[in-house]
Protein backbone atom coordinates (compact mmCIF):
# COMPACT_ATOMS: atom_id res chain seq x y z
CA MET A 1 90.34 189.33 67.55
CA GLU A 2 87.44 188.94 65.15
CA ILE A 3 85.27 187.44 67.95
CA GLN A 4 86.11 190.36 70.22
CA ASN A 5 85.24 192.74 67.41
CA GLU A 6 81.85 191.05 66.97
CA GLU A 7 81.22 191.13 70.73
CA LEU A 8 82.11 194.82 70.81
CA LYS A 9 79.74 195.59 67.93
CA HIS A 10 76.98 193.62 69.67
CA ALA A 11 77.58 195.47 72.96
CA GLN A 12 77.50 198.81 71.13
CA SER A 13 74.25 197.80 69.45
CA VAL A 14 72.70 196.86 72.79
CA ILE A 15 73.84 200.15 74.33
CA GLU A 16 72.47 202.15 71.39
CA THR A 17 69.11 200.35 71.59
CA SER A 18 68.95 200.98 75.32
CA ARG A 19 69.86 204.64 74.85
CA GLN A 20 67.17 205.03 72.19
CA LYS A 21 64.54 203.48 74.49
CA TYR A 22 65.57 205.85 77.30
CA SER A 23 65.50 208.81 74.93
CA ASP A 24 62.01 207.90 73.69
CA LEU A 25 60.71 207.42 77.23
CA TYR A 26 62.26 210.73 78.29
CA ASP A 27 61.05 212.77 75.33
CA PHE A 28 57.55 211.34 74.96
CA ALA A 29 56.62 211.07 78.63
CA PRO A 30 53.24 212.63 79.53
CA VAL A 31 54.96 215.05 81.94
CA GLY A 32 57.72 217.56 81.44
CA TYR A 33 61.23 216.71 82.57
CA ALA A 34 64.13 219.08 83.08
CA THR A 35 67.57 218.91 84.60
CA LEU A 36 68.60 222.06 86.47
CA ASP A 37 71.79 223.18 88.11
CA GLU A 38 71.95 224.75 91.58
CA ASN A 39 71.18 228.20 90.15
CA GLY A 40 68.10 227.00 88.26
CA LEU A 41 69.79 226.93 84.84
CA ILE A 42 68.09 224.45 82.47
CA LEU A 43 70.67 221.85 81.39
CA GLU A 44 68.28 219.39 79.72
CA ALA A 45 64.58 219.36 78.85
CA ASN A 46 62.27 216.85 77.25
CA LEU A 47 59.83 217.52 74.41
CA THR A 48 56.85 217.60 76.77
CA PHE A 49 58.35 220.42 78.83
CA SER A 50 59.12 222.39 75.68
CA ALA A 51 55.51 221.82 74.56
CA GLN A 52 54.23 223.03 77.97
CA LEU A 53 56.08 226.29 77.32
CA ASN A 54 55.21 226.31 73.62
CA MET A 55 58.89 226.63 72.73
CA GLU A 56 61.58 224.65 70.98
CA ARG A 57 63.84 222.63 73.25
CA ALA A 58 66.89 224.51 72.00
CA GLN A 59 65.32 227.76 73.28
CA LEU A 60 65.19 226.30 76.82
CA ILE A 61 68.65 224.81 77.21
CA GLY A 62 71.04 227.19 78.95
CA LYS A 63 68.29 229.55 80.09
CA PRO A 64 67.47 230.17 83.75
CA MET A 65 64.18 228.61 84.83
CA THR A 66 63.19 232.01 86.26
CA VAL A 67 62.66 233.29 82.69
CA PHE A 68 59.62 231.02 82.52
CA ILE A 69 58.21 231.80 85.96
CA PRO A 70 56.22 234.88 87.03
CA PRO A 71 58.29 237.11 89.36
CA SER A 72 55.93 236.37 92.26
CA ASP A 73 56.85 232.66 92.07
CA THR A 74 60.65 232.91 91.75
CA LYS A 75 61.10 232.72 95.52
CA ILE A 76 59.17 229.42 95.50
CA LEU A 77 61.56 228.04 92.86
CA PHE A 78 64.71 229.10 94.72
CA ASN A 79 63.42 227.73 98.04
CA HIS A 80 62.54 224.49 96.25
CA LEU A 81 66.02 224.19 94.70
CA LYS A 82 67.65 224.95 98.05
CA GLU A 83 65.62 222.15 99.70
CA VAL A 84 66.37 219.71 96.87
CA PHE A 85 70.13 220.23 97.07
CA CYS A 86 70.09 219.99 100.89
CA HIS A 87 68.22 216.66 101.04
CA ASP A 88 68.61 213.29 99.40
CA GLU A 89 64.91 212.77 98.89
CA LYS A 90 62.23 213.86 96.44
CA MET A 91 60.87 217.34 97.15
CA SER A 92 57.74 218.99 95.73
CA ALA A 93 56.62 222.54 95.05
CA GLU A 94 53.72 224.18 93.24
CA LEU A 95 54.21 227.28 91.13
CA ARG A 96 53.23 228.80 87.82
CA ILE A 97 55.12 228.75 84.54
CA LYS A 98 54.50 230.92 81.52
CA GLY A 99 55.17 230.02 77.96
CA LYS A 100 56.21 231.93 74.89
CA ASP A 101 52.64 233.15 74.40
CA GLY A 102 52.55 234.57 77.96
CA LYS A 103 49.92 232.06 79.04
CA GLU A 104 50.46 230.79 82.59
CA CYS A 105 49.72 227.34 83.92
CA ASN A 106 50.02 225.85 87.39
CA VAL A 107 52.59 223.08 87.72
CA LEU A 108 53.82 220.67 90.33
CA LEU A 109 57.59 220.29 90.47
CA GLU A 110 58.89 217.01 91.88
CA SER A 111 62.65 217.09 92.10
CA ILE A 112 65.58 215.12 93.37
CA SER A 113 69.27 215.96 93.57
CA VAL A 114 71.67 213.74 91.62
CA LYS A 115 75.45 213.73 91.77
CA GLU A 116 77.14 212.13 88.78
CA ASP A 117 80.85 211.42 88.87
CA GLU A 118 82.94 214.47 89.76
CA LYS A 119 80.41 216.94 88.37
CA SER A 120 78.42 219.39 90.46
CA PRO A 121 75.07 218.01 91.61
CA THR A 122 72.09 218.54 89.36
CA CYS A 123 68.37 218.53 90.00
CA ARG A 124 66.14 216.21 88.00
CA THR A 125 62.65 217.65 87.94
CA SER A 126 59.31 216.47 86.65
CA ILE A 127 56.91 219.26 85.70
CA VAL A 128 53.25 218.20 85.90
CA ASN A 129 50.52 220.55 84.69
CA ILE A 130 48.02 220.83 87.55
CA SER A 131 46.00 223.77 86.20
CA HIS A 132 42.83 221.68 85.99
CA ARG A 133 43.18 220.58 89.62
CA VAL A 134 43.84 224.15 90.79
CA GLU A 135 40.78 225.39 88.85
CA MET A 136 38.63 222.66 90.42
CA GLU A 137 39.90 223.54 93.92
CA GLU A 138 39.11 227.21 93.27
CA ALA A 139 35.62 226.33 92.00
CA THR A 140 35.07 224.20 95.12
CA ARG A 141 36.19 227.07 97.36
CA LYS A 142 33.87 229.46 95.55
CA SER A 143 30.92 227.08 95.77
CA LYS A 144 31.55 226.57 99.51
CA LYS A 145 31.62 230.34 99.97
CA VAL A 146 28.35 230.68 98.02
CA ALA A 147 26.80 227.91 100.13
CA GLU A 148 27.91 229.66 103.33
CA GLU A 149 26.41 232.94 102.12
CA ALA A 150 23.19 231.16 101.16
CA ASN A 151 22.99 229.60 104.64
CA LYS A 152 23.53 233.01 106.25
CA LEU A 153 20.78 234.51 104.07
CA LYS A 154 18.46 231.60 104.89
CA ASP A 155 19.11 232.01 108.63
CA ARG A 156 18.50 235.76 108.40
CA PHE A 157 15.28 235.18 106.45
CA ILE A 158 14.06 232.64 109.00
CA SER A 159 14.89 235.05 111.81
CA LEU A 160 13.00 237.89 110.09
CA VAL A 161 9.98 235.73 109.29
CA SER A 162 9.93 234.35 112.81
CA HIS A 163 10.13 237.88 114.26
CA ASP A 164 7.41 239.15 111.89
CA LEU A 165 5.11 236.27 112.81
CA LYS A 166 5.49 236.64 116.59
CA ASN A 167 3.22 239.72 116.90
CA PRO A 168 0.29 238.29 114.92
CA ILE A 169 0.58 234.98 116.79
CA TYR A 170 0.57 236.79 120.14
CA LYS A 171 -2.51 238.77 119.05
CA ILE A 172 -4.31 235.63 117.87
CA SER A 173 -3.39 233.92 121.10
CA GLY A 174 -4.70 236.92 123.02
CA TYR A 175 -7.97 236.86 121.07
CA ILE A 176 -8.33 233.15 121.74
CA ASP A 177 -7.79 233.76 125.44
CA LEU A 178 -10.36 236.59 125.30
CA ILE A 179 -12.88 234.41 123.49
CA GLU A 180 -12.37 231.61 126.00
CA MET A 181 -12.91 234.05 128.86
CA THR A 182 -15.99 235.51 127.16
CA SER A 183 -17.46 232.07 126.53
CA GLN A 184 -16.89 231.14 130.18
CA LEU A 185 -18.60 234.35 131.28
CA SER A 186 -21.58 233.79 129.04
CA GLU A 187 -22.06 230.23 130.30
CA GLU A 188 -22.11 231.51 133.83
């Protein structure tokens, strides 16, 4: 009995160490993690996600995810959740979240549906801040638009200059022809 007791204590110790490692990995990951139900209710959240929203974790648990999303993006969230719960594969969506201070950031949600035991399925979601990428894409779009406008202006300028130079060149050409004819006449 004493040996079984020792084995049980050792097994509990191993389980507790494993749980602590999982908890540390979950909470201190560089991306946000949340577990949602089919209605978008936040069941679990890691410390990174709470930091992304500038809120305490306790303020997130039990709240609908829509509280932290601008109204224009709620349809994206619900379509994403619908897809996640209909498929057994990882699904992605981009939307914006807003924190306690009202500041918005662009995020990439990568989610998968998980069914544990007899419980209703849940959605495990990673929340990656992609604001920098979105800003860079917008800057690239703007610079391409500026380059296109510059090319249009350059083409218009070349067209105007070319048109403005045609008359003087025709006149010079005419004078050259006249001089050539006059020099031929004088030689004769």
